[in-house]
């Protein structure tokens, strides 16, 4: 009977060793997987700027082109408005002088 108990205790000790080794192996696998994921995330973050830069350059170029077009368009509009204001100013001065010269009209 005592022999059975000794074998049972030895089997339990071996089983506990296997369990402890399995837990350590599981933790090592988890740590390795987390390290791999972190490395992948770091590589992705480092490469993200390289991925975005062509799109940012293109967007910047389009923005510069749009600004140039709008500057030209509004410059022309401003010149037209100044010409119209000048013409209307001359007409207003003539009308005012006519009113002053001929108040009866």
N, C-alpha and C. Protein backbone atom coordinates (compact mmCIF):
# COMPACT_ATOMS: atom_id res chain seq x y z
N UNK A 1 0.82 -1.18 0.00
CA UNK A 1 0.00 0.00 0.00
C UNK A 1 0.87 1.26 0.00
N UNK A 2 1.89 1.17 0.84
CA UNK A 2 2.80 2.31 0.93
C UNK A 2 3.49 2.52 -0.41
N UNK A 3 3.77 1.47 -1.12
CA UNK A 3 4.39 1.54 -2.44
C UNK A 3 3.47 2.25 -3.43
N UNK A 4 2.18 1.99 -3.34
CA UNK A 4 1.20 2.65 -4.21
C UNK A 4 1.14 4.15 -3.93
N UNK A 5 1.20 4.50 -2.67
CA UNK A 5 1.15 5.91 -2.29
C UNK A 5 2.41 6.65 -2.79
N UNK A 6 3.53 5.97 -2.66
CA UNK A 6 4.79 6.59 -3.13
C UNK A 6 4.72 6.80 -4.64
N UNK A 7 4.25 5.82 -5.38
CA UNK A 7 4.14 5.96 -6.84
C UNK A 7 3.13 7.04 -7.20
N UNK A 8 2.05 7.09 -6.44
CA UNK A 8 1.03 8.12 -6.68
C UNK A 8 1.61 9.53 -6.44
N UNK A 9 2.36 9.68 -5.36
CA UNK A 9 2.99 10.97 -5.06
C UNK A 9 4.03 11.33 -6.13
N UNK A 10 4.78 10.33 -6.59
CA UNK A 10 5.75 10.57 -7.64
C UNK A 10 5.06 10.97 -8.95
N UNK A 11 3.95 10.29 -9.26
CA UNK A 11 3.18 10.62 -10.46
C UNK A 11 2.61 12.03 -10.36
N UNK A 12 2.13 12.38 -9.17
CA UNK A 12 1.59 13.72 -8.95
C UNK A 12 2.70 14.77 -9.13
N UNK A 13 3.89 14.48 -8.62
CA UNK A 13 5.01 15.41 -8.75
C UNK A 13 5.39 15.56 -10.23
N UNK A 14 5.42 14.44 -10.97
CA UNK A 14 5.73 14.52 -12.40
C UNK A 14 4.65 15.32 -13.15
N UNK A 15 3.39 15.07 -12.78
CA UNK A 15 2.29 15.79 -13.41
C UNK A 15 2.39 17.28 -13.13
N UNK A 16 2.74 17.64 -11.89
CA UNK A 16 2.89 19.05 -11.55
C UNK A 16 4.05 19.66 -12.33
N UNK A 17 5.11 18.92 -12.53
CA UNK A 17 6.23 19.39 -13.33
C UNK A 17 5.82 19.63 -14.77
N UNK A 18 5.03 18.69 -15.31
CA UNK A 18 4.52 18.85 -16.68
C UNK A 18 3.62 20.08 -16.77
N UNK A 19 2.77 20.26 -15.77
CA UNK A 19 1.87 21.42 -15.75
C UNK A 19 2.68 22.72 -15.68
N UNK A 20 3.67 22.74 -14.80
CA UNK A 20 4.50 23.95 -14.67
C UNK A 20 5.26 24.24 -15.97
N UNK A 21 5.80 23.19 -16.60
CA UNK A 21 6.51 23.37 -17.87
C UNK A 21 5.56 23.85 -18.95
N UNK A 22 4.33 23.33 -18.96
CA UNK A 22 3.33 23.75 -19.95
C UNK A 22 2.95 25.21 -19.75
N UNK A 23 2.78 25.60 -18.49
CA UNK A 23 2.45 27.01 -18.20
C UNK A 23 3.58 27.93 -18.66
N UNK A 24 4.82 27.52 -18.38
CA UNK A 24 5.96 28.34 -18.79
C UNK A 24 6.04 28.42 -20.31
N UNK A 25 5.81 27.29 -20.99
CA UNK A 25 5.83 27.27 -22.46
C UNK A 25 4.70 28.14 -23.03
N UNK A 26 3.53 28.04 -22.42
CA UNK A 26 2.39 28.86 -22.86
C UNK A 26 2.72 30.34 -22.70
N UNK A 27 3.30 30.72 -21.57
CA UNK A 27 3.65 32.12 -21.34
C UNK A 27 4.71 32.58 -22.33
N UNK A 28 5.68 31.72 -22.63
CA UNK A 28 6.71 32.05 -23.60
C UNK A 28 6.09 32.27 -24.98
N UNK A 29 5.14 31.41 -25.36
CA UNK A 29 4.47 31.55 -26.66
C UNK A 29 3.69 32.86 -26.71
N UNK A 30 3.00 33.18 -25.62
CA UNK A 30 2.23 34.43 -25.56
C UNK A 30 3.17 35.63 -25.66
N UNK A 31 4.28 35.57 -24.91
CA UNK A 31 5.24 36.68 -24.96
C UNK A 31 5.84 36.85 -26.35
N UNK A 32 6.16 35.72 -26.99
CA UNK A 32 6.70 35.78 -28.35
C UNK A 32 5.67 36.37 -29.32
N UNK A 33 4.43 35.96 -29.18
CA UNK A 33 3.37 36.48 -30.06
C UNK A 33 3.18 37.98 -29.85
N UNK A 34 3.18 38.40 -28.59
CA UNK A 34 3.04 39.83 -28.31
C UNK A 34 4.21 40.63 -28.86
N UNK A 35 5.42 40.08 -28.73
CA UNK A 35 6.60 40.77 -29.26
C UNK A 35 6.51 40.87 -30.78
N UNK A 36 6.04 39.81 -31.42
CA UNK A 36 5.90 39.82 -32.88
C UNK A 36 4.88 40.88 -33.31
N UNK A 37 3.77 40.94 -32.58
CA UNK A 37 2.73 41.93 -32.90
C UNK A 37 3.26 43.35 -32.69
N UNK A 38 3.97 43.55 -31.58
CA UNK A 38 4.53 44.89 -31.31
C UNK A 38 5.51 45.29 -32.41
N UNK A 39 6.36 44.35 -32.81
CA UNK A 39 7.31 44.64 -33.90
C UNK A 39 6.58 44.98 -35.19
N UNK A 40 5.51 44.24 -35.47
CA UNK A 40 4.72 44.53 -36.67
C UNK A 40 4.08 45.90 -36.60
N UNK A 41 3.55 46.25 -35.43
CA UNK A 41 2.95 47.57 -35.26
C UNK A 41 3.99 48.67 -35.43
N UNK A 42 5.19 48.46 -34.86
CA UNK A 42 6.25 49.46 -35.00
C UNK A 42 6.67 49.61 -36.46
N UNK A 43 6.78 48.51 -37.18
CA UNK A 43 7.14 48.59 -38.60
C UNK A 43 6.04 49.30 -39.38
N UNK A 44 4.79 49.00 -39.04
CA UNK A 44 3.67 49.66 -39.72
C UNK A 44 3.69 51.16 -39.45
N UNK A 45 3.87 51.54 -38.18
CA UNK A 45 3.91 52.97 -37.84
C UNK A 45 5.08 53.66 -38.54
N UNK A 46 6.23 52.98 -38.60
CA UNK A 46 7.38 53.57 -39.27
C UNK A 46 7.13 53.72 -40.76
N UNK A 47 6.44 52.77 -41.36
CA UNK A 47 6.18 52.82 -42.80
C UNK A 47 4.97 53.65 -43.17
N UNK A 48 4.17 54.02 -42.16
CA UNK A 48 2.96 54.78 -42.44
C UNK A 48 3.27 56.13 -43.07
N UNK A 49 4.30 56.77 -42.59
CA UNK A 49 4.68 58.07 -43.16
C UNK A 49 5.07 57.90 -44.63
N UNK A 50 5.78 56.80 -44.93
CA UNK A 50 6.15 56.54 -46.32
C UNK A 50 4.92 56.27 -47.17
N UNK A 51 3.92 55.62 -46.59
CA UNK A 51 2.70 55.34 -47.34
C UNK A 51 1.90 56.62 -47.60
N UNK A 52 1.90 57.51 -46.63
CA UNK A 52 1.10 58.73 -46.74
C UNK A 52 1.76 59.80 -47.58
N UNK A 53 3.08 59.82 -47.65
CA UNK A 53 3.78 60.94 -48.28
C UNK A 53 3.38 61.16 -49.74
N UNK A 54 3.21 60.13 -50.59
CA UNK A 54 2.79 60.43 -51.96
C UNK A 54 1.40 61.07 -52.02
N UNK A 55 0.51 60.61 -51.15
CA UNK A 55 -0.83 61.20 -51.15
C UNK A 55 -0.80 62.64 -50.65
N UNK A 56 0.04 62.89 -49.65
CA UNK A 56 0.15 64.25 -49.14
C UNK A 56 0.77 65.18 -50.18
N UNK A 57 1.79 64.68 -50.90
CA UNK A 57 2.39 65.51 -51.96
C UNK A 57 1.36 65.83 -53.04
N UNK A 58 0.58 64.84 -53.42
CA UNK A 58 -0.43 65.05 -54.45
C UNK A 58 -1.48 66.05 -53.97
N UNK A 59 -1.93 65.88 -52.72
CA UNK A 59 -2.93 66.79 -52.16
C UNK A 59 -2.37 68.21 -52.06
N UNK A 60 -1.12 68.31 -51.68
CA UNK A 60 -0.49 69.63 -51.58
C UNK A 60 -0.40 70.28 -52.96
N UNK A 61 -0.03 69.50 -53.95
CA UNK A 61 0.04 70.02 -55.32
C UNK A 61 -1.32 70.49 -55.82
N UNK A 62 -2.35 69.68 -55.53
CA UNK A 62 -3.70 70.08 -55.94
C UNK A 62 -4.14 71.35 -55.22
N UNK A 63 -3.80 71.44 -53.95
CA UNK A 63 -4.17 72.63 -53.18
C UNK A 63 -3.47 73.87 -53.74
N UNK A 64 -2.19 73.74 -54.05
CA UNK A 64 -1.47 74.88 -54.64
C UNK A 64 -2.08 75.29 -55.98
N UNK A 65 -2.45 74.30 -56.78
CA UNK A 65 -3.07 74.59 -58.08
C UNK A 65 -4.40 75.30 -57.87
N UNK A 66 -5.20 74.82 -56.93
CA UNK A 66 -6.51 75.44 -56.66
C UNK A 66 -6.33 76.87 -56.16
N UNK A 67 -5.35 77.08 -55.29
CA UNK A 67 -5.10 78.44 -54.79
C UNK A 67 -4.67 79.35 -55.93
N UNK A 68 -3.83 78.85 -56.82
CA UNK A 68 -3.39 79.67 -57.95
C UNK A 68 -4.58 80.02 -58.85
N UNK A 69 -5.44 79.05 -59.13
CA UNK A 69 -6.62 79.32 -59.96
C UNK A 69 -7.54 80.33 -59.29
N UNK A 70 -7.77 80.17 -57.98
CA UNK A 70 -8.65 81.10 -57.28
C UNK A 70 -8.05 82.50 -57.21
N UNK A 71 -6.74 82.57 -57.03
CA UNK A 71 -6.07 83.88 -57.01
C UNK A 71 -6.25 84.58 -58.34
N UNK A 72 -6.07 83.85 -59.43
CA UNK A 72 -6.25 84.42 -60.76
C UNK A 72 -7.70 84.85 -60.97
N UNK A 73 -8.62 83.98 -60.61
CA UNK A 73 -10.04 84.27 -60.80
C UNK A 73 -10.46 85.50 -60.01
N UNK A 74 -10.06 85.56 -58.74
CA UNK A 74 -10.48 86.69 -57.92
C UNK A 74 -9.70 87.95 -58.27
N UNK A 75 -8.49 87.81 -58.80
CA UNK A 75 -7.77 88.99 -59.29
C UNK A 75 -8.51 89.61 -60.47
N UNK A 76 -8.98 88.77 -61.39
CA UNK A 76 -9.76 89.26 -62.53
C UNK A 76 -11.05 89.91 -62.05
N UNK A 77 -11.69 89.26 -61.11
CA UNK A 77 -12.96 89.81 -60.58
C UNK A 77 -12.71 91.15 -59.90
N UNK A 78 -11.63 91.27 -59.18
CA UNK A 78 -11.31 92.53 -58.51
C UNK A 78 -11.05 93.63 -59.53
N UNK A 79 -10.32 93.32 -60.61
CA UNK A 79 -10.07 94.31 -61.66
C UNK A 79 -11.39 94.76 -62.29
N UNK A 80 -12.29 93.80 -62.57
CA UNK A 80 -13.59 94.14 -63.14
C UNK A 80 -14.39 95.04 -62.20
N UNK A 81 -14.38 94.71 -60.93
CA UNK A 81 -15.13 95.53 -59.97
C UNK A 81 -14.55 96.94 -59.87
N UNK A 82 -13.21 97.04 -59.90
CA UNK A 82 -12.59 98.38 -59.85
C UNK A 82 -12.96 99.19 -61.09
N UNK A 83 -12.95 98.56 -62.28
CA UNK A 83 -13.34 99.26 -63.51
C UNK A 83 -14.79 99.71 -63.43
N UNK A 84 -15.65 98.81 -62.93
CA UNK A 84 -17.07 99.18 -62.80
C UNK A 84 -17.23 100.32 -61.80
N UNK A 85 -16.52 100.26 -60.70
CA UNK A 85 -16.61 101.33 -59.70
C UNK A 85 -16.13 102.65 -60.28
N UNK A 86 -15.05 102.61 -61.05
CA UNK A 86 -14.53 103.82 -61.67
C UNK A 86 -15.55 104.40 -62.64
N UNK A 87 -16.15 103.54 -63.49
CA UNK A 87 -17.17 104.01 -64.44
C UNK A 87 -18.37 104.60 -63.71
N UNK A 88 -18.83 103.90 -62.68
CA UNK A 88 -20.01 104.39 -61.95
C UNK A 88 -19.69 105.67 -61.18
N UNK A 89 -18.46 105.78 -60.75
CA UNK A 89 -18.06 107.00 -60.06
C UNK A 89 -18.12 108.18 -61.02
N UNK A 90 -17.62 107.97 -62.24
CA UNK A 90 -17.67 109.05 -63.25
C UNK A 90 -19.12 109.40 -63.57
N UNK A 91 -19.95 108.38 -63.72
CA UNK A 91 -21.37 108.65 -64.01
C UNK A 91 -22.02 109.38 -62.85
N UNK A 92 -21.70 109.01 -61.62
CA UNK A 92 -22.28 109.66 -60.45
C UNK A 92 -21.81 111.11 -60.35
N UNK A 93 -20.55 111.35 -60.68
CA UNK A 93 -20.03 112.73 -60.64
C UNK A 93 -20.73 113.58 -61.69
N UNK A 94 -20.87 113.03 -62.92
CA UNK A 94 -21.58 113.77 -63.97
C UNK A 94 -23.02 114.05 -63.56
N UNK A 95 -23.68 113.05 -62.99
CA UNK A 95 -25.08 113.26 -62.58
C UNK A 95 -25.17 114.30 -61.47
N UNK A 96 -24.24 114.26 -60.53
CA UNK A 96 -24.24 115.26 -59.45
C UNK A 96 -23.96 116.65 -59.99
N UNK A 97 -23.01 116.77 -60.92
CA UNK A 97 -22.73 118.07 -61.51
C UNK A 97 -23.93 118.58 -62.28
N UNK A 98 -24.61 117.69 -63.01
CA UNK A 98 -25.82 118.09 -63.72
C UNK A 98 -26.89 118.58 -62.76
N UNK A 99 -27.02 117.90 -61.64
CA UNK A 99 -28.01 118.34 -60.65
C UNK A 99 -27.64 119.70 -60.07
N UNK A 100 -26.36 119.90 -59.84
CA UNK A 100 -25.92 121.19 -59.31
C UNK A 100 -26.07 122.30 -60.35
N UNK A 101 -25.79 121.98 -61.59
CA UNK A 101 -25.87 122.98 -62.66
C UNK A 101 -27.33 123.25 -63.02
N UNK A 102 -28.14 122.25 -63.02
CA UNK A 102 -29.56 122.38 -63.37
C UNK A 102 -30.42 121.83 -62.25
N UNK A 103 -30.59 122.53 -61.19
CA UNK A 103 -31.35 122.00 -60.04
C UNK A 103 -32.84 121.77 -60.37
N UNK A 104 -33.34 122.38 -61.42
CA UNK A 104 -34.75 122.26 -61.77
C UNK A 104 -35.06 120.89 -62.38
N UNK A 105 -34.10 120.24 -62.89
CA UNK A 105 -34.33 118.97 -63.59
C UNK A 105 -34.57 117.87 -62.66
